[in-house]
Protein backbone atom coordinates (compact mmCIF):
# COMPACT_ATOMS: atom_id res chain seq x y z
CA MET A 1 38.19 -48.15 10.49
CA SER A 2 35.74 -50.54 8.10
CA ASP A 3 33.90 -53.81 8.19
CA ASP A 4 36.85 -56.02 7.72
CA THR A 5 39.14 -54.60 10.61
CA PRO A 6 39.91 -57.25 13.09
CA PRO A 7 38.49 -57.09 16.74
CA ARG A 8 40.42 -55.67 19.49
CA HIS A 9 41.60 -59.08 20.53
CA ASP A 10 43.04 -59.95 17.01
CA ARG A 11 45.26 -56.62 17.36
CA VAL A 12 46.55 -57.21 20.82
CA THR A 13 50.38 -58.80 20.85
CA ARG A 14 50.24 -62.01 23.40
CA HIS A 15 53.39 -62.55 25.63
CA PRO A 16 53.83 -65.52 27.72
CA SER A 17 54.92 -65.14 31.68
CA PRO A 18 57.64 -67.57 32.53
CA GLY A 19 56.91 -69.32 36.46
CA SER A 20 53.94 -69.20 38.42
CA ALA A 21 53.89 -65.73 39.25
CA ASN A 22 51.47 -63.47 37.66
CA SER A 23 52.68 -61.34 34.43
CA LEU A 24 52.92 -58.12 36.74
CA TRP A 25 55.53 -59.52 38.47
CA HIS A 26 57.48 -59.90 35.57
CA TRP A 27 57.28 -56.20 34.35
CA PRO A 28 60.85 -55.62 34.27
CA ASP A 29 61.63 -58.15 31.65
CA ALA A 30 58.98 -56.35 29.57
CA ARG A 31 60.06 -52.89 29.41
CA HIS A 32 63.31 -52.00 30.79
CA PRO A 33 63.08 -50.31 34.23
CA LEU A 34 64.97 -46.85 33.59
CA ARG A 35 62.63 -46.36 30.60
CA VAL A 36 59.29 -46.93 32.83
CA ALA A 37 60.63 -44.71 35.50
CA LEU A 38 61.87 -41.61 32.51
CA ASN A 39 57.73 -42.46 31.20
CA TYR A 40 56.65 -41.89 33.94
CA LEU A 41 58.71 -38.97 34.89
CA ALA A 42 57.31 -37.24 31.72
CA ILE A 43 53.57 -38.08 31.93
CA VAL A 44 53.26 -37.11 35.70
CA LEU A 45 55.14 -33.84 34.49
CA ALA A 46 52.19 -33.65 31.35
CA ARG A 47 49.67 -34.31 33.97
CA HIS A 48 49.91 -31.15 35.78
CA SER A 49 50.93 -28.84 33.33
CA PRO A 50 48.17 -26.57 32.25
CA SER A 51 50.26 -26.28 29.50
CA LEU A 52 48.93 -27.83 26.45
CA ARG A 53 52.24 -27.35 24.17
CA LEU A 54 54.22 -28.35 27.07
CA LYS A 55 52.07 -31.21 27.54
CA ASN A 56 52.34 -32.42 23.77
CA TRP A 57 56.35 -32.10 23.49
CA LEU A 58 56.42 -33.82 26.68
CA LEU A 59 54.66 -36.84 25.26
CA ARG A 60 56.50 -36.56 21.91
CA ARG A 61 59.89 -36.90 23.66
CA ILE A 62 58.11 -40.04 25.14
CA GLY A 63 56.83 -41.87 21.86
CA VAL A 64 53.60 -40.79 21.54
CA THR A 65 52.38 -39.94 18.59
CA VAL A 66 50.63 -36.34 19.18
CA GLY A 67 48.96 -35.03 15.84
CA ARG A 68 48.56 -30.89 15.56
CA GLY A 69 46.06 -29.12 17.64
CA VAL A 70 45.63 -32.30 20.28
CA SER A 71 44.38 -31.40 23.83
CA TRP A 72 45.20 -33.12 26.63
CA GLY A 73 42.86 -32.24 29.82
CA LEU A 74 44.70 -32.33 33.24
CA GLU A 75 45.55 -35.86 34.86
CA SER A 76 44.76 -37.45 31.50
CA THR A 77 47.05 -40.17 31.12
CA PRO A 78 49.03 -42.42 27.92
CA ASP A 79 50.08 -45.55 28.68
CA VAL A 80 53.42 -45.33 31.03
CA PHE A 81 54.41 -48.40 29.38
CA TRP A 82 54.78 -48.31 26.09
CA PRO A 83 53.41 -44.64 25.22
CA ASP A 84 55.60 -45.28 21.78
CA LEU A 85 51.59 -47.15 20.66
CA VAL A 86 49.74 -44.49 21.45
CA THR A 87 48.70 -41.89 18.54
CA VAL A 88 46.11 -38.99 18.82
CA GLU A 89 45.86 -37.67 15.59
CA ASP A 90 45.23 -33.61 14.77
CA ASP A 91 42.65 -31.66 16.56
CA ALA A 92 41.17 -34.73 19.34
CA ILE A 93 40.41 -33.87 22.76
CA ILE A 94 41.73 -36.20 25.58
CA GLY A 95 39.52 -35.42 28.69
CA TYR A 96 40.20 -35.03 31.93
CA ASP A 97 41.64 -38.04 33.61
CA ALA A 98 41.38 -40.26 30.75
CA THR A 99 43.54 -42.99 30.58
CA LEU A 100 45.03 -44.96 27.33
CA LEU A 101 46.36 -47.81 27.69
CA CYS A 102 48.48 -50.06 25.29
CA HIS A 103 49.03 -53.02 27.93
CA GLU A 104 47.18 -55.46 29.98
CA PHE A 105 49.18 -57.76 32.43
CA LEU A 106 46.75 -60.49 33.15
CA GLN A 107 47.83 -64.18 35.25
CA ASP A 108 49.40 -66.32 32.49
CA GLU A 109 50.29 -63.21 29.66
CA TYR A 110 50.15 -59.53 29.20
CA ARG A 111 49.45 -58.21 26.29
CA THR A 112 50.41 -55.24 24.33
CA GLY A 113 48.10 -53.20 21.78
CA PRO A 114 48.04 -49.67 19.97
CA VAL A 115 45.49 -47.21 20.84
CA ARG A 116 44.71 -44.67 18.16
CA VAL A 117 42.42 -41.75 18.60
CA GLY A 118 41.28 -40.15 15.35
CA GLU A 119 41.10 -36.67 14.10
CA ARG A 120 38.54 -34.35 16.19
CA ALA A 121 37.48 -37.17 18.68
CA MET A 122 36.64 -36.63 22.11
CA ILE A 123 37.80 -38.83 25.23
CA GLY A 124 35.60 -37.51 28.18
CA ALA A 125 36.74 -37.03 32.00
CA GLY A 126 37.82 -40.18 33.35
CA ALA A 127 37.35 -43.02 30.58
CA VAL A 128 39.53 -45.68 30.15
CA VAL A 129 40.33 -47.10 26.70
CA LEU A 130 41.99 -50.25 26.13
CA PRO A 131 44.99 -51.91 24.02
CA GLY A 132 44.12 -52.37 20.38
CA VAL A 133 40.81 -50.16 20.48
CA GLU A 134 40.69 -47.33 17.58
CA ILE A 135 38.16 -44.34 18.16
CA GLY A 136 37.15 -43.24 14.78
CA ALA A 137 37.56 -39.55 13.64
CA ASP A 138 34.64 -37.15 14.72
CA ALA A 139 33.62 -39.76 17.49
CA SER A 140 33.12 -39.37 21.38
CA VAL A 141 33.84 -41.36 24.07
CA ALA A 142 31.50 -40.36 27.54
CA ALA A 143 32.74 -39.44 30.49
CA ASN A 144 33.71 -42.45 32.51
CA SER A 145 33.32 -45.13 29.71
CA LEU A 146 35.21 -48.14 29.58
CA VAL A 147 36.16 -48.81 25.83
CA THR A 148 36.98 -52.28 25.15
CA GLU A 149 36.12 -52.19 21.39
CA ASP A 150 36.73 -49.53 18.35
CA VAL A 151 34.05 -46.62 18.39
CA PRO A 152 33.32 -46.26 14.42
CA PRO A 153 33.82 -42.50 12.75
CA GLY A 154 31.61 -40.04 14.06
CA ALA A 155 29.61 -42.41 16.75
CA THR A 156 29.25 -42.00 20.71
CA ALA A 157 30.38 -44.55 22.89
CA VAL A 158 28.57 -44.67 26.30
CA GLY A 159 28.99 -47.10 29.52
CA VAL A 160 30.77 -49.77 31.30
CA PRO A 161 31.31 -51.36 28.48
CA ALA A 162 30.97 -48.77 26.51
CA ALA A 163 28.36 -49.41 23.92
CA ILE A 164 27.59 -47.23 20.62
CA ARG A 165 24.79 -45.10 21.22
CA THR A 166 21.89 -45.40 18.66
CA GLU A 167 19.22 -42.26 18.09
CA ASP A 168 15.76 -43.51 19.42
């Protein structure tokens, strides 16, 4: 991540929805229902497995890029529609019940964007990371935070929406 990295909203792809119904009604046009069902099954198994090896193996099977030594807490969830847009680098920790979202269904469109969690980064329990966000190496996201913008390497993000905590 550098100063010239575009903001999250510039890294998401917008997909207009046909007709008057909100975009969630059109999800089967966005992703094949069988693919979503298989992703969901693998994610449910991974969420409840105490084995980190099994979690990583299952998530790799559905397209999540999982680095060496990654730890997924119980109930943690990568995106069910676009798991192939999730990258978690070596030795990162995804906390209990954290969610990494690569899609947003809105009224007139849906958006997709990659989520990248850097090496040795830590995502706290219950945190939610939105599409297009990058969490830098050695960065931390506090529990129950909503990450709407990038977190620079080594920084700590806290709150809803998450803000970078500065030393006083």
